[in-house]
Amino acid sequence: MEIKTEPGGKTVEIWLTQAESQDTAIQSQLKPLYQKCKAQGYTVVVFCSGSEDLVDTTSTLLCSNRNRMAQAENSLA
């Protein structure tokens, strides 16, 4: 688990591995942190690691977005 605080943006980022995100003990430890941050006016953002290949998934997303942009450009022409 990695916790980063951004005082200027009033955010707390919590980065969890896939195993940590499924661990009930860790989840119960985080609840008091959420409450403390909320009381201090911070927004908590939790990032959980996924189970798919990052490169393949990102490539698919980029290709899909490019295809949508091309379709939008064609519909304007």
PDB file of N, CA and C in Angstrom:
ATOM      1  N   MET A   1       0.845  -1.166   0.000  1.00  0.00           N
ATOM      2  CA  MET A   1       0.000   0.000   0.000  1.00  0.00           C
ATOM      3  C   MET A   1       0.894   1.234   0.000  1.00  0.00           C
ATOM      4  N   GLU A   2       0.480   2.207  -0.764  1.00  0.00           N
ATOM      5  CA  GLU A   2       1.210   3.468  -0.825  1.00  0.00           C
ATOM      6  C   GLU A   2       0.197   4.590  -0.635  1.00  0.00           C
ATOM      7  N   ILE A   3       0.526   5.542   0.227  1.00  0.00           N
ATOM      8  CA  ILE A   3      -0.371   6.664   0.504  1.00  0.00           C
ATOM      9  C   ILE A   3       0.372   7.954   0.189  1.00  0.00           C
ATOM     10  N   LYS A   4      -0.255   8.789  -0.647  1.00  0.00           N
ATOM     11  CA  LYS A   4       0.322  10.085  -1.023  1.00  0.00           C
ATOM     12  C   LYS A   4      -0.677  11.177  -0.656  1.00  0.00           C
ATOM     13  N   THR A   5      -0.169  12.213   0.006  1.00  0.00           N
ATOM     14  CA  THR A   5      -1.017  13.344   0.390  1.00  0.00           C
ATOM     15  C   THR A   5      -0.637  14.557  -0.443  1.00  0.00           C
ATOM     16  N   GLU A   6      -1.650  15.211  -1.005  1.00  0.00           N
ATOM     17  CA  GLU A   6      -1.458  16.422  -1.792  1.00  0.00           C
ATOM     18  C   GLU A   6      -2.153  17.566  -1.055  1.00  0.00           C
ATOM     19  N   PRO A   7      -1.432  18.268  -0.163  1.00  0.00           N
ATOM     20  CA  PRO A   7      -2.067  19.319   0.636  1.00  0.00           C
ATOM     21  C   PRO A   7      -2.683  20.438  -0.196  1.00  0.00           C
ATOM     22  N   GLY A   8      -2.026  20.810  -1.293  1.00  0.00           N
ATOM     23  CA  GLY A   8      -2.555  21.891  -2.128  1.00  0.00           C
ATOM     24  C   GLY A   8      -3.887  21.535  -2.763  1.00  0.00           C
ATOM     25  N   GLY A   9      -4.024  20.298  -3.186  1.00  0.00           N
ATOM     26  CA  GLY A   9      -5.253  19.860  -3.821  1.00  0.00           C
ATOM     27  C   GLY A   9      -6.229  19.232  -2.848  1.00  0.00           C
ATOM     28  N   LYS A  10      -5.807  19.136  -1.570  1.00  0.00           N
ATOM     29  CA  LYS A  10      -6.638  18.545  -0.519  1.00  0.00           C
ATOM     30  C   LYS A  10      -7.097  17.136  -0.894  1.00  0.00           C
ATOM     31  N   THR A  11      -6.159  16.336  -1.417  1.00  0.00           N
ATOM     32  CA  THR A  11      -6.467  14.948  -1.748  1.00  0.00           C
ATOM     33  C   THR A  11      -5.474  14.001  -1.092  1.00  0.00           C
ATOM     34  N   VAL A  12      -5.948  12.799  -0.841  1.00  0.00           N
ATOM     35  CA  VAL A  12      -5.107  11.711  -0.361  1.00  0.00           C
ATOM     36  C   VAL A  12      -5.286  10.569  -1.351  1.00  0.00           C
ATOM     37  N   GLU A  13      -4.190  10.122  -1.948  1.00  0.00           N
ATOM     38  CA  GLU A  13      -4.221   9.003  -2.889  1.00  0.00           C
ATOM     39  C   GLU A  13      -3.755   7.749  -2.171  1.00  0.00           C
ATOM     40  N   ILE A  14      -4.534   6.687  -2.303  1.00  0.00           N
ATOM     41  CA  ILE A  14      -4.159   5.400  -1.731  1.00  0.00           C
ATOM     42  C   ILE A  14      -4.039   4.411  -2.883  1.00  0.00           C
ATOM     43  N   TRP A  15      -2.864   3.823  -3.012  1.00  0.00           N
ATOM     44  CA  TRP A  15      -2.584   2.868  -4.080  1.00  0.00           C
ATOM     45  C   TRP A  15      -2.514   1.474  -3.471  1.00  0.00           C
ATOM     46  N   LEU A  16      -3.356   0.562  -3.954  1.00  0.00           N
ATOM     47  CA  LEU A  16      -3.401  -0.800  -3.439  1.00  0.00           C
ATOM     48  C   LEU A  16      -3.069  -1.809  -4.527  1.00  0.00           C
ATOM     49  N   THR A  17      -2.351  -2.853  -4.139  1.00  0.00           N
ATOM     50  CA  THR A  17      -2.150  -3.966  -5.052  1.00  0.00           C
ATOM     51  C   THR A  17      -3.465  -4.729  -5.150  1.00  0.00           C
ATOM     52  N   GLN A  18      -3.531  -5.652  -6.069  1.00  0.00           N
ATOM     53  CA  GLN A  18      -4.743  -6.449  -6.215  1.00  0.00           C
ATOM     54  C   GLN A  18      -5.024  -7.239  -4.933  1.00  0.00           C
ATOM     55  N   ALA A  19      -3.990  -7.817  -4.345  1.00  0.00           N
ATOM     56  CA  ALA A  19      -4.162  -8.592  -3.110  1.00  0.00           C
ATOM     57  C   ALA A  19      -4.630  -7.691  -1.962  1.00  0.00           C
ATOM     58  N   GLU A  20      -4.049  -6.490  -1.861  1.00  0.00           N
ATOM     59  CA  GLU A  20      -4.445  -5.566  -0.794  1.00  0.00           C
ATOM     60  C   GLU A  20      -5.890  -5.111  -0.944  1.00  0.00           C
ATOM     61  N   SER A  21      -6.329  -4.910  -2.174  1.00  0.00           N
ATOM     62  CA  SER A  21      -7.700  -4.437  -2.385  1.00  0.00           C
ATOM     63  C   SER A  21      -8.735  -5.494  -2.012  1.00  0.00           C
ATOM     64  N   GLN A  22      -8.324  -6.759  -1.954  1.00  0.00           N
ATOM     65  CA  GLN A  22      -9.241  -7.838  -1.594  1.00  0.00           C
ATOM     66  C   GLN A  22      -9.085  -8.277  -0.142  1.00  0.00           C
ATOM     67  N   ASP A  23      -8.154  -7.685   0.580  1.00  0.00           N
ATOM     68  CA  ASP A  23      -7.870  -8.057   1.962  1.00  0.00           C
ATOM     69  C   ASP A  23      -8.810  -7.292   2.902  1.00  0.00           C
ATOM     70  N   THR A  24      -9.676  -8.011   3.600  1.00  0.00           N
ATOM     71  CA  THR A  24     -10.653  -7.364   4.481  1.00  0.00           C
ATOM     72  C   THR A  24      -9.985  -6.656   5.656  1.00  0.00           C
ATOM     73  N   ALA A  25      -8.856  -7.169   6.120  1.00  0.00           N
ATOM     74  CA  ALA A  25      -8.140  -6.513   7.221  1.00  0.00           C
ATOM     75  C   ALA A  25      -7.651  -5.134   6.792  1.00  0.00           C
ATOM     76  N   ILE A  26      -7.122  -5.042   5.597  1.00  0.00           N
ATOM     77  CA  ILE A  26      -6.645  -3.744   5.089  1.00  0.00           C
ATOM     78  C   ILE A  26      -7.823  -2.809   4.874  1.00  0.00           C
ATOM     79  N   GLN A  27      -8.903  -3.328   4.338  1.00  0.00           N
ATOM     80  CA  GLN A  27     -10.088  -2.496   4.129  1.00  0.00           C
ATOM     81  C   GLN A  27     -10.597  -1.914   5.449  1.00  0.00           C
ATOM     82  N   SER A  28     -10.593  -2.718   6.498  1.00  0.00           N
ATOM     83  CA  SER A  28     -11.065  -2.216   7.796  1.00  0.00           C
ATOM     84  C   SER A  28     -10.090  -1.195   8.383  1.00  0.00           C
ATOM     85  N   GLN A  29      -8.797  -1.317   8.085  1.00  0.00           N
ATOM     86  CA  GLN A  29      -7.812  -0.337   8.544  1.00  0.00           C
ATOM     87  C   GLN A  29      -7.979   0.998   7.829  1.00  0.00           C
ATOM     88  N   LEU A  30      -8.474   0.954   6.610  1.00  0.00           N
ATOM     89  CA  LEU A  30      -8.617   2.181   5.825  1.00  0.00           C
ATOM     90  C   LEU A  30      -9.822   3.021   6.261  1.00  0.00           C
ATOM     91  N   LYS A  31     -10.839   2.399   6.802  1.00  0.00           N
ATOM     92  CA  LYS A  31     -12.050   3.143   7.179  1.00  0.00           C
ATOM     93  C   LYS A  31     -11.766   4.313   8.124  1.00  0.00           C
ATOM     94  N   PRO A  32     -10.963   4.112   9.198  1.00  0.00           N
ATOM     95  CA  PRO A  32     -10.653   5.273  10.055  1.00  0.00           C
ATOM     96  C   PRO A  32      -9.874   6.370   9.312  1.00  0.00           C
ATOM     97  N   LEU A  33      -9.016   5.964   8.374  1.00  0.00           N
ATOM     98  CA  LEU A  33      -8.276   6.946   7.580  1.00  0.00           C
ATOM     99  C   LEU A  33      -9.238   7.773   6.728  1.00  0.00           C
ATOM    100  N   TYR A  34     -10.222   7.115   6.111  1.00  0.00           N
ATOM    101  CA  TYR A  34     -11.223   7.844   5.322  1.00  0.00           C
ATOM    102  C   TYR A  34     -11.925   8.886   6.188  1.00  0.00           C
ATOM    103  N   GLN A  35     -12.322   8.483   7.385  1.00  0.00           N
ATOM    104  CA  GLN A  35     -13.052   9.387   8.287  1.00  0.00           C
ATOM    105  C   GLN A  35     -12.163  10.556   8.718  1.00  0.00           C
ATOM    106  N   LYS A  36     -10.905  10.282   9.035  1.00  0.00           N
ATOM    107  CA  LYS A  36      -9.977  11.329   9.443  1.00  0.00           C
ATOM    108  C   LYS A  36      -9.760  12.328   8.307  1.00  0.00           C
ATOM    109  N   CYS A  37      -9.561  11.823   7.116  1.00  0.00           N
ATOM    110  CA  CYS A  37      -9.337  12.695   5.960  1.00  0.00           C
ATOM    111  C   CYS A  37     -10.566  13.554   5.685  1.00  0.00           C
ATOM    112  N   LYS A  38     -11.730  12.941   5.756  1.00  0.00           N
ATOM    113  CA  LYS A  38     -12.974  13.684   5.511  1.00  0.00           C
ATOM    114  C   LYS A  38     -13.137  14.802   6.534  1.00  0.00           C
ATOM    115  N   ALA A  39     -12.820  14.513   7.793  1.00  0.00           N
ATOM    116  CA  ALA A  39     -12.933  15.515   8.853  1.00  0.00           C
ATOM    117  C   ALA A  39     -11.992  16.687   8.619  1.00  0.00           C
ATOM    118  N   GLN A  40     -10.863  16.433   7.954  1.00  0.00           N
ATOM    119  CA  GLN A  40      -9.884  17.484   7.670  1.00  0.00           C
ATOM    120  C   GLN A  40     -10.108  18.144   6.314  1.00  0.00           C
ATOM    121  N   GLY A  41     -11.178  17.767   5.628  1.00  0.00           N
ATOM    122  CA  GLY A  41     -11.512  18.392   4.346  1.00  0.00           C
ATOM    123  C   GLY A  41     -10.782  17.817   3.144  1.00  0.00           C
ATOM    124  N   TYR A  42     -10.212  16.623   3.290  1.00  0.00           N
ATOM    125  CA  TYR A  42      -9.507  15.977   2.184  1.00  0.00           C
ATOM    126  C   TYR A  42     -10.438  15.020   1.444  1.00  0.00           C
ATOM    127  N   THR A  43     -10.195  14.869   0.165  1.00  0.00           N
ATOM    128  CA  THR A  43     -10.878  13.864  -0.648  1.00  0.00           C
ATOM    129  C   THR A  43      -9.945  12.678  -0.784  1.00  0.00           C
ATOM    130  N   VAL A  44     -10.464  11.483  -0.522  1.00  0.00           N
ATOM    131  CA  VAL A  44      -9.654  10.268  -0.618  1.00  0.00           C
ATOM    132  C   VAL A  44      -9.931   9.593  -1.952  1.00  0.00           C
ATOM    133  N   VAL A  45      -8.858   9.261  -2.663  1.00  0.00           N
ATOM    134  CA  VAL A  45      -8.958   8.563  -3.935  1.00  0.00           C
ATOM    135  C   VAL A  45      -8.203   7.249  -3.791  1.00  0.00           C
ATOM    136  N   VAL A  46      -8.882   6.134  -4.102  1.00  0.00           N
ATOM    137  CA  VAL A  46      -8.261   4.817  -3.962  1.00  0.00           C
ATOM    138  C   VAL A  46      -8.058   4.226  -5.349  1.00  0.00           C
ATOM    139  N   PHE A  47      -6.825   3.834  -5.644  1.00  0.00           N
ATOM    140  CA  PHE A  47      -6.484   3.182  -6.894  1.00  0.00           C
ATOM    141  C   PHE A  47      -6.168   1.719  -6.597  1.00  0.00           C
ATOM    142  N   CYS A  48      -6.867   0.819  -7.280  1.00  0.00           N
ATOM    143  CA  CYS A  48      -6.655  -0.615  -7.079  1.00  0.00           C
ATOM    144  C   CYS A  48      -6.064  -1.222  -8.343  1.00  0.00           C
ATOM    145  N   SER A  49      -5.032  -1.999  -8.181  1.00  0.00           N
ATOM    146  CA  SER A  49      -4.402  -2.660  -9.312  1.00  0.00           C
ATOM    147  C   SER A  49      -5.378  -3.640  -9.948  1.00  0.00           C
ATOM    148  N   GLY A  50      -5.331  -3.721 -11.249  1.00  0.00           N
ATOM    149  CA  GLY A  50      -6.213  -4.621 -11.972  1.00  0.00           C
ATOM    150  C   GLY A  50      -5.574  -5.970 -12.232  1.00  0.00           C
ATOM    151  N   SER A  51      -6.299  -6.787 -12.977  1.00  0.00           N
ATOM    152  CA  SER A  51      -5.812  -8.134 -13.249  1.00  0.00           C
ATOM    153  C   SER A  51      -5.439  -8.341 -14.718  1.00  0.00           C
ATOM    154  N   GLU A  52      -5.675  -7.332 -15.546  1.00  0.00           N
ATOM    155  CA  GLU A  52      -5.384  -7.475 -16.969  1.00  0.00           C
ATOM    156  C   GLU A  52      -4.026  -6.864 -17.305  1.00  0.00           C
ATOM    157  N   ASP A  53      -3.510  -7.191 -18.458  1.00  0.00           N
ATOM    158  CA  ASP A  53      -2.225  -6.689 -18.915  1.00  0.00           C
ATOM    159  C   ASP A  53      -2.357  -5.209 -19.268  1.00  0.00           C
ATOM    160  N   LEU A  54      -1.545  -4.384 -18.637  1.00  0.00           N
ATOM    161  CA  LEU A  54      -1.638  -2.940 -18.818  1.00  0.00           C
ATOM    162  C   LEU A  54      -1.353  -2.510 -20.256  1.00  0.00           C
ATOM    163  N   VAL A  55      -0.322  -3.050 -20.872  1.00  0.00           N
ATOM    164  CA  VAL A  55       0.059  -2.645 -22.227  1.00  0.00           C
ATOM    165  C   VAL A  55      -1.040  -3.005 -23.226  1.00  0.00           C
ATOM    166  N   ASP A  56      -1.533  -4.232 -23.167  1.00  0.00           N
ATOM    167  CA  ASP A  56      -2.586  -4.654 -24.096  1.00  0.00           C
ATOM    168  C   ASP A  56      -3.859  -3.837 -23.918  1.00  0.00           C
ATOM    169  N   THR A  57      -4.253  -3.633 -22.681  1.00  0.00           N
ATOM    170  CA  THR A  57      -5.485  -2.896 -22.402  1.00  0.00           C
ATOM    171  C   THR A  57      -5.361  -1.435 -22.828  1.00  0.00           C
ATOM    172  N   THR A  58      -4.213  -0.834 -22.565  1.00  0.00           N
ATOM    173  CA  THR A  58      -3.994   0.556 -22.963  1.00  0.00           C
ATOM    174  C   THR A  58      -3.981   0.687 -24.486  1.00  0.00           C
ATOM    175  N   SER A  59      -3.346  -0.250 -25.156  1.00  0.00           N
ATOM    176  CA  SER A  59      -3.309  -0.237 -26.614  1.00  0.00           C
ATOM    177  C   SER A  59      -4.714  -0.336 -27.208  1.00  0.00           C
ATOM    178  N   THR A  60      -5.513  -1.224 -26.662  1.00  0.00           N
ATOM    179  CA  THR A  60      -6.895  -1.381 -27.121  1.00  0.00           C
ATOM    180  C   THR A  60      -7.687  -0.092 -26.918  1.00  0.00           C
ATOM    181  N   LEU A  61      -7.513   0.533 -25.756  1.00  0.00           N
ATOM    182  CA  LEU A  61      -8.207   1.788 -25.459  1.00  0.00           C
ATOM    183  C   LEU A  61      -7.796   2.892 -26.422  1.00  0.00           C
ATOM    184  N   LEU A  62      -6.494   3.026 -26.664  1.00  0.00           N
ATOM    185  CA  LEU A  62      -6.011   4.062 -27.582  1.00  0.00           C
ATOM    186  C   LEU A  62      -6.528   3.854 -29.000  1.00  0.00           C
ATOM    187  N   CYS A  63      -6.531   2.596 -29.459  1.00  0.00           N
ATOM    188  CA  CYS A  63      -7.046   2.296 -30.800  1.00  0.00           C
ATOM    189  C   CYS A  63      -8.532   2.615 -30.899  1.00  0.00           C
ATOM    190  N   SER A  64      -9.267   2.267 -29.873  1.00  0.00           N
ATOM    191  CA  SER A  64     -10.703   2.543 -29.849  1.00  0.00           C
ATOM    192  C   SER A  64     -10.962   4.047 -29.896  1.00  0.00           C
ATOM    193  N   ASN A  65     -10.211   4.807 -29.097  1.00  0.00           N
ATOM    194  CA  ASN A  65     -10.384   6.263 -29.092  1.00  0.00           C
ATOM    195  C   ASN A  65     -10.028   6.863 -30.442  1.00  0.00           C
ATOM    196  N   ARG A  66      -8.982   6.353 -31.083  1.00  0.00           N
ATOM    197  CA  ARG A  66      -8.602   6.874 -32.402  1.00  0.00           C
ATOM    198  C   ARG A  66      -9.676   6.571 -33.431  1.00  0.00           C
ATOM    199  N   ASN A  67     -10.247   5.379 -33.375  1.00  0.00           N
ATOM    200  CA  ASN A  67     -11.333   5.026 -34.304  1.00  0.00           C
ATOM    201  C   ASN A  67     -12.538   5.937 -34.106  1.00  0.00           C
ATOM    202  N   ARG A  68     -12.876   6.256 -32.866  1.00  0.00           N
ATOM    203  CA  ARG A  68     -13.995   7.160 -32.598  1.00  0.00           C
ATOM    204  C   ARG A  68     -13.722   8.548 -33.158  1.00  0.00           C
ATOM    205  N   MET A  69     -12.472   9.023 -32.989  1.00  0.00           N
ATOM    206  CA  MET A  69     -12.120  10.348 -33.514  1.00  0.00           C
ATOM    207  C   MET A  69     -12.231  10.346 -35.030  1.00  0.00           C
ATOM    208  N   ALA A  70     -11.779   9.282 -35.678  1.00  0.00           N
ATOM    209  CA  ALA A  70     -11.852   9.202 -37.142  1.00  0.00           C
ATOM    210  C   ALA A  70     -13.297   9.181 -37.608  1.00  0.00           C
ATOM    211  N   GLN A  71     -14.145   8.448 -36.908  1.00  0.00           N
ATOM    212  CA  GLN A  71     -15.569   8.419 -37.269  1.00  0.00           C
ATOM    213  C   GLN A  71     -16.212   9.800 -37.102  1.00  0.00           C
ATOM    214  N   ALA A  72     -15.840  10.484 -36.037  1.00  0.00           N
ATOM    215  CA  ALA A  72     -16.386  11.822 -35.809  1.00  0.00           C
ATOM    216  C   ALA A  72     -15.921  12.787 -36.915  1.00  0.00           C
ATOM    217  N   GLU A  73     -14.666  12.676 -37.315  1.00  0.00           N
ATOM    218  CA  GLU A  73     -14.147  13.528 -38.372  1.00  0.00           C
ATOM    219  C   GLU A  73     -14.855  13.241 -39.683  1.00  0.00           C
ATOM    220  N   ASN A  74     -15.120  11.961 -39.971  1.00  0.00           N
ATOM    221  CA  ASN A  74     -15.797  11.588 -41.215  1.00  0.00           C
ATOM    222  C   ASN A  74     -17.237  12.071 -41.240  1.00  0.00           C
ATOM    223  N   SER A  75     -17.886  12.086 -40.103  1.00  0.00           N
ATOM    224  CA  SER A  75     -19.281  12.507 -40.076  1.00  0.00           C
ATOM    225  C   SER A  75     -19.400  14.021 -40.252  1.00  0.00           C
ATOM    226  N   LEU A  76     -18.322  14.767 -39.969  1.00  0.00           N
ATOM    227  CA  LEU A  76     -18.347  16.222 -40.155  1.00  0.00           C
ATOM    228  C   LEU A  76     -18.047  16.602 -41.595  1.00  0.00           C
ATOM    229  N   ALA A  77     -17.418  15.725 -42.340  1.00  0.00           N
ATOM    230  CA  ALA A  77     -16.999  16.055 -43.701  1.00  0.00           C
ATOM    231  C   ALA A  77     -18.132  15.953 -44.689  1.00  0.00           C
TER     232      ALA A  77
END
